[in-house]
């Protein structure tokens, strides 16, 4: 069983409920017509530069490849045994690209690390 994360390009101030609603629309196959968000494009290019998804290779963290990339999000289905560094890289890149993180295991939504204030 995979460990599933997704990153979302939503407007600043988006709530966890808005992220969950976007996830639900995706699960229903409703992606709408829109141009790819540059934040999503940048994230996808960066994460796949470190962990290629085309073609899937032995040792890849991706249980499902290629990654599901849409205009406003990237869904990643990871092997549960993937190294912690992969998760740290996903979190770091989400922050660098100002993307919200959605953890499909429990429905948690995390703002990008750069948005978190001490």
C-alpha atoms as a PDB file:
ATOM      1  CA  UNK A   1       0.000   0.000   0.000  1.00  0.00           C
ATOM      2  CA  UNK A   2       1.435   3.364  -1.002  1.00  0.00           C
ATOM      3  CA  UNK A   3       2.011   6.439   1.118  1.00  0.00           C
ATOM      4  CA  UNK A   4       0.222   9.255  -0.700  1.00  0.00           C
ATOM      5  CA  UNK A   5       1.044  12.962  -0.637  1.00  0.00           C
ATOM      6  CA  UNK A   6       0.039  15.788  -2.923  1.00  0.00           C
ATOM      7  CA  UNK A   7       1.071  19.400  -3.264  1.00  0.00           C
ATOM      8  CA  UNK A   8      -1.423  22.113  -4.205  1.00  0.00           C
ATOM      9  CA  UNK A   9      -1.149  25.563  -5.748  1.00  0.00           C
ATOM     10  CA  UNK A  10      -3.978  27.457  -4.105  1.00  0.00           C
ATOM     11  CA  UNK A  11      -4.250  31.189  -3.386  1.00  0.00           C
ATOM     12  CA  UNK A  12      -2.563  32.575  -0.288  1.00  0.00           C
ATOM     13  CA  UNK A  13      -4.845  32.169   2.678  1.00  0.00           C
ATOM     14  CA  UNK A  14      -6.399  28.935   1.382  1.00  0.00           C
ATOM     15  CA  UNK A  15      -7.903  26.895   4.188  1.00  0.00           C
ATOM     16  CA  UNK A  16      -7.490  23.169   4.817  1.00  0.00           C
ATOM     17  CA  UNK A  17     -11.147  22.777   3.802  1.00  0.00           C
ATOM     18  CA  UNK A  18     -10.418  24.382   0.421  1.00  0.00           C
ATOM     19  CA  UNK A  19      -7.485  22.015  -0.112  1.00  0.00           C
ATOM     20  CA  UNK A  20      -9.644  19.000   0.789  1.00  0.00           C
ATOM     21  CA  UNK A  21     -12.358  20.229  -1.616  1.00  0.00           C
ATOM     22  CA  UNK A  22      -9.754  20.489  -4.398  1.00  0.00           C
ATOM     23  CA  UNK A  23      -8.563  16.950  -3.603  1.00  0.00           C
ATOM     24  CA  UNK A  24     -12.140  15.688  -3.812  1.00  0.00           C
ATOM     25  CA  UNK A  25     -12.675  17.370  -7.202  1.00  0.00           C
ATOM     26  CA  UNK A  26      -9.506  15.662  -8.462  1.00  0.00           C
ATOM     27  CA  UNK A  27     -10.673  12.267  -7.184  1.00  0.00           C
ATOM     28  CA  UNK A  28     -13.912  12.825  -9.089  1.00  0.00           C
ATOM     29  CA  UNK A  29     -11.923  13.574 -12.242  1.00  0.00           C
ATOM     30  CA  UNK A  30     -12.838  17.257 -12.308  1.00  0.00           C
ATOM     31  CA  UNK A  31      -9.695  19.181 -13.156  1.00  0.00           C
ATOM     32  CA  UNK A  32     -11.111  22.057 -15.168  1.00  0.00           C
ATOM     33  CA  UNK A  33      -9.437  23.896 -17.989  1.00  0.00           C
ATOM     34  CA  UNK A  34      -6.627  26.067 -16.767  1.00  0.00           C
ATOM     35  CA  UNK A  35      -3.013  26.811 -17.500  1.00  0.00           C
ATOM     36  CA  UNK A  36      -0.460  24.977 -15.368  1.00  0.00           C
ATOM     37  CA  UNK A  37       0.471  26.982 -12.294  1.00  0.00           C
ATOM     38  CA  UNK A  38       4.185  27.879 -12.469  1.00  0.00           C
ATOM     39  CA  UNK A  39       4.608  26.748  -8.851  1.00  0.00           C
ATOM     40  CA  UNK A  40       3.402  23.254  -9.761  1.00  0.00           C
ATOM     41  CA  UNK A  41       5.599  23.138 -12.857  1.00  0.00           C
ATOM     42  CA  UNK A  42       8.628  24.200 -10.807  1.00  0.00           C
ATOM     43  CA  UNK A  43       7.928  21.634  -8.093  1.00  0.00           C
ATOM     44  CA  UNK A  44       7.417  18.821 -10.602  1.00  0.00           C
ATOM     45  CA  UNK A  45      10.645  19.637 -12.423  1.00  0.00           C
ATOM     46  CA  UNK A  46      12.598  19.857  -9.176  1.00  0.00           C
ATOM     47  CA  UNK A  47      11.273  16.657  -7.576  1.00  0.00           C
ATOM     48  CA  UNK A  48      11.668  14.611 -10.747  1.00  0.00           C
ATOM     49  CA  UNK A  49      15.189  15.961 -11.274  1.00  0.00           C
ATOM     50  CA  UNK A  50      16.109  14.248  -7.988  1.00  0.00           C
ATOM     51  CA  UNK A  51      13.717  11.301  -8.272  1.00  0.00           C
ATOM     52  CA  UNK A  52      12.829  10.631 -11.927  1.00  0.00           C
ATOM     53  CA  UNK A  53       9.375   9.277 -12.707  1.00  0.00           C
ATOM     54  CA  UNK A  54       9.837   8.717 -16.463  1.00  0.00           C
ATOM     55  CA  UNK A  55      10.775   5.996 -16.855  1.00  0.00           C
ATOM     56  CA  UNK A  56      10.319   4.444 -13.446  1.00  0.00           C
ATOM     57  CA  UNK A  57      13.633   2.995 -12.330  1.00  0.00           C
ATOM     58  CA  UNK A  58      14.660   0.472  -9.712  1.00  0.00           C
ATOM     59  CA  UNK A  59      15.122   2.219  -6.394  1.00  0.00           C
ATOM     60  CA  UNK A  60      12.631   4.967  -7.207  1.00  0.00           C
ATOM     61  CA  UNK A  61      10.480   6.192  -4.308  1.00  0.00           C
ATOM     62  CA  UNK A  62       7.398   6.220  -6.576  1.00  0.00           C
ATOM     63  CA  UNK A  63       5.023   3.287  -6.234  1.00  0.00           C
ATOM     64  CA  UNK A  64       3.002   4.792  -9.103  1.00  0.00           C
ATOM     65  CA  UNK A  65       4.842   6.410 -11.996  1.00  0.00           C
ATOM     66  CA  UNK A  66       4.628   8.727 -13.756  1.00  0.00           C
ATOM     67  CA  UNK A  67       3.391  11.106 -11.092  1.00  0.00           C
ATOM     68  CA  UNK A  68      -0.115  12.517 -11.476  1.00  0.00           C
ATOM     69  CA  UNK A  69       0.498  16.143 -12.425  1.00  0.00           C
ATOM     70  CA  UNK A  70      -2.340  18.569 -13.116  1.00  0.00           C
ATOM     71  CA  UNK A  71      -2.475  22.330 -13.535  1.00  0.00           C
ATOM     72  CA  UNK A  72      -2.824  22.971  -9.799  1.00  0.00           C
ATOM     73  CA  UNK A  73      -1.288  19.931  -8.107  1.00  0.00           C
ATOM     74  CA  UNK A  74       1.051  16.952  -8.171  1.00  0.00           C
ATOM     75  CA  UNK A  75       0.043  13.669  -6.549  1.00  0.00           C
ATOM     76  CA  UNK A  76       2.799  11.362  -5.359  1.00  0.00           C
ATOM     77  CA  UNK A  77       2.237   7.721  -4.437  1.00  0.00           C
ATOM     78  CA  UNK A  78       5.351   6.650  -2.560  1.00  0.00           C
ATOM     79  CA  UNK A  79       6.568   3.293  -1.348  1.00  0.00           C
ATOM     80  CA  UNK A  80       6.033   3.226   2.420  1.00  0.00           C
ATOM     81  CA  UNK A  81       9.675   2.213   2.777  1.00  0.00           C
ATOM     82  CA  UNK A  82      11.050   5.204   0.861  1.00  0.00           C
ATOM     83  CA  UNK A  83      13.884   7.020   2.625  1.00  0.00           C
ATOM     84  CA  UNK A  84      12.953   9.865   4.962  1.00  0.00           C
ATOM     85  CA  UNK A  85      15.094  12.137   2.788  1.00  0.00           C
ATOM     86  CA  UNK A  86      12.490  11.875   0.009  1.00  0.00           C
ATOM     87  CA  UNK A  87       9.798  13.194   2.355  1.00  0.00           C
ATOM     88  CA  UNK A  88      12.108  15.971   3.554  1.00  0.00           C
ATOM     89  CA  UNK A  89      12.808  16.924  -0.059  1.00  0.00           C
ATOM     90  CA  UNK A  90       9.080  17.007  -0.878  1.00  0.00           C
ATOM     91  CA  UNK A  91       8.435  19.252   2.130  1.00  0.00           C
ATOM     92  CA  UNK A  92      11.368  21.535   1.287  1.00  0.00           C
ATOM     93  CA  UNK A  93      10.358  21.862  -2.362  1.00  0.00           C
ATOM     94  CA  UNK A  94       6.727  22.493  -1.409  1.00  0.00           C
ATOM     95  CA  UNK A  95       7.966  25.385   0.702  1.00  0.00           C
ATOM     96  CA  UNK A  96      10.256  26.714  -2.007  1.00  0.00           C
ATOM     97  CA  UNK A  97       7.358  26.690  -4.478  1.00  0.00           C
ATOM     98  CA  UNK A  98       4.713  27.963  -2.025  1.00  0.00           C
ATOM     99  CA  UNK A  99       2.542  24.846  -2.264  1.00  0.00           C
ATOM    100  CA  UNK A 100       0.194  23.348   0.328  1.00  0.00           C
ATOM    101  CA  UNK A 101       0.809  19.712   1.329  1.00  0.00           C
ATOM    102  CA  UNK A 102      -2.034  17.189   1.618  1.00  0.00           C
ATOM    103  CA  UNK A 103      -1.480  13.890   3.451  1.00  0.00           C
ATOM    104  CA  UNK A 104      -4.016  11.409   2.080  1.00  0.00           C
ATOM    105  CA  UNK A 105      -3.516   8.980   4.953  1.00  0.00           C
ATOM    106  CA  UNK A 106      -5.325  11.161   7.470  1.00  0.00           C
ATOM    107  CA  UNK A 107      -6.498  14.171   5.463  1.00  0.00           C
ATOM    108  CA  UNK A 108      -4.024  16.550   7.110  1.00  0.00           C
ATOM    109  CA  UNK A 109      -3.177  19.773   5.293  1.00  0.00           C
ATOM    110  CA  UNK A 110       0.082  21.584   5.915  1.00  0.00           C
ATOM    111  CA  UNK A 111       1.006  25.056   4.740  1.00  0.00           C
ATOM    112  CA  UNK A 112       4.368  25.392   3.052  1.00  0.00           C
ATOM    113  CA  UNK A 113       7.138  25.526   5.659  1.00  0.00           C
ATOM    114  CA  UNK A 114       7.954  29.119   4.647  1.00  0.00           C
ATOM    115  CA  UNK A 115       4.413  30.121   5.627  1.00  0.00           C
ATOM    116  CA  UNK A 116       4.746  28.645   9.114  1.00  0.00           C
ATOM    117  CA  UNK A 117       5.656  31.375  11.593  1.00  0.00           C
ATOM    118  CA  UNK A 118       7.157  30.733  15.031  1.00  0.00           C
END
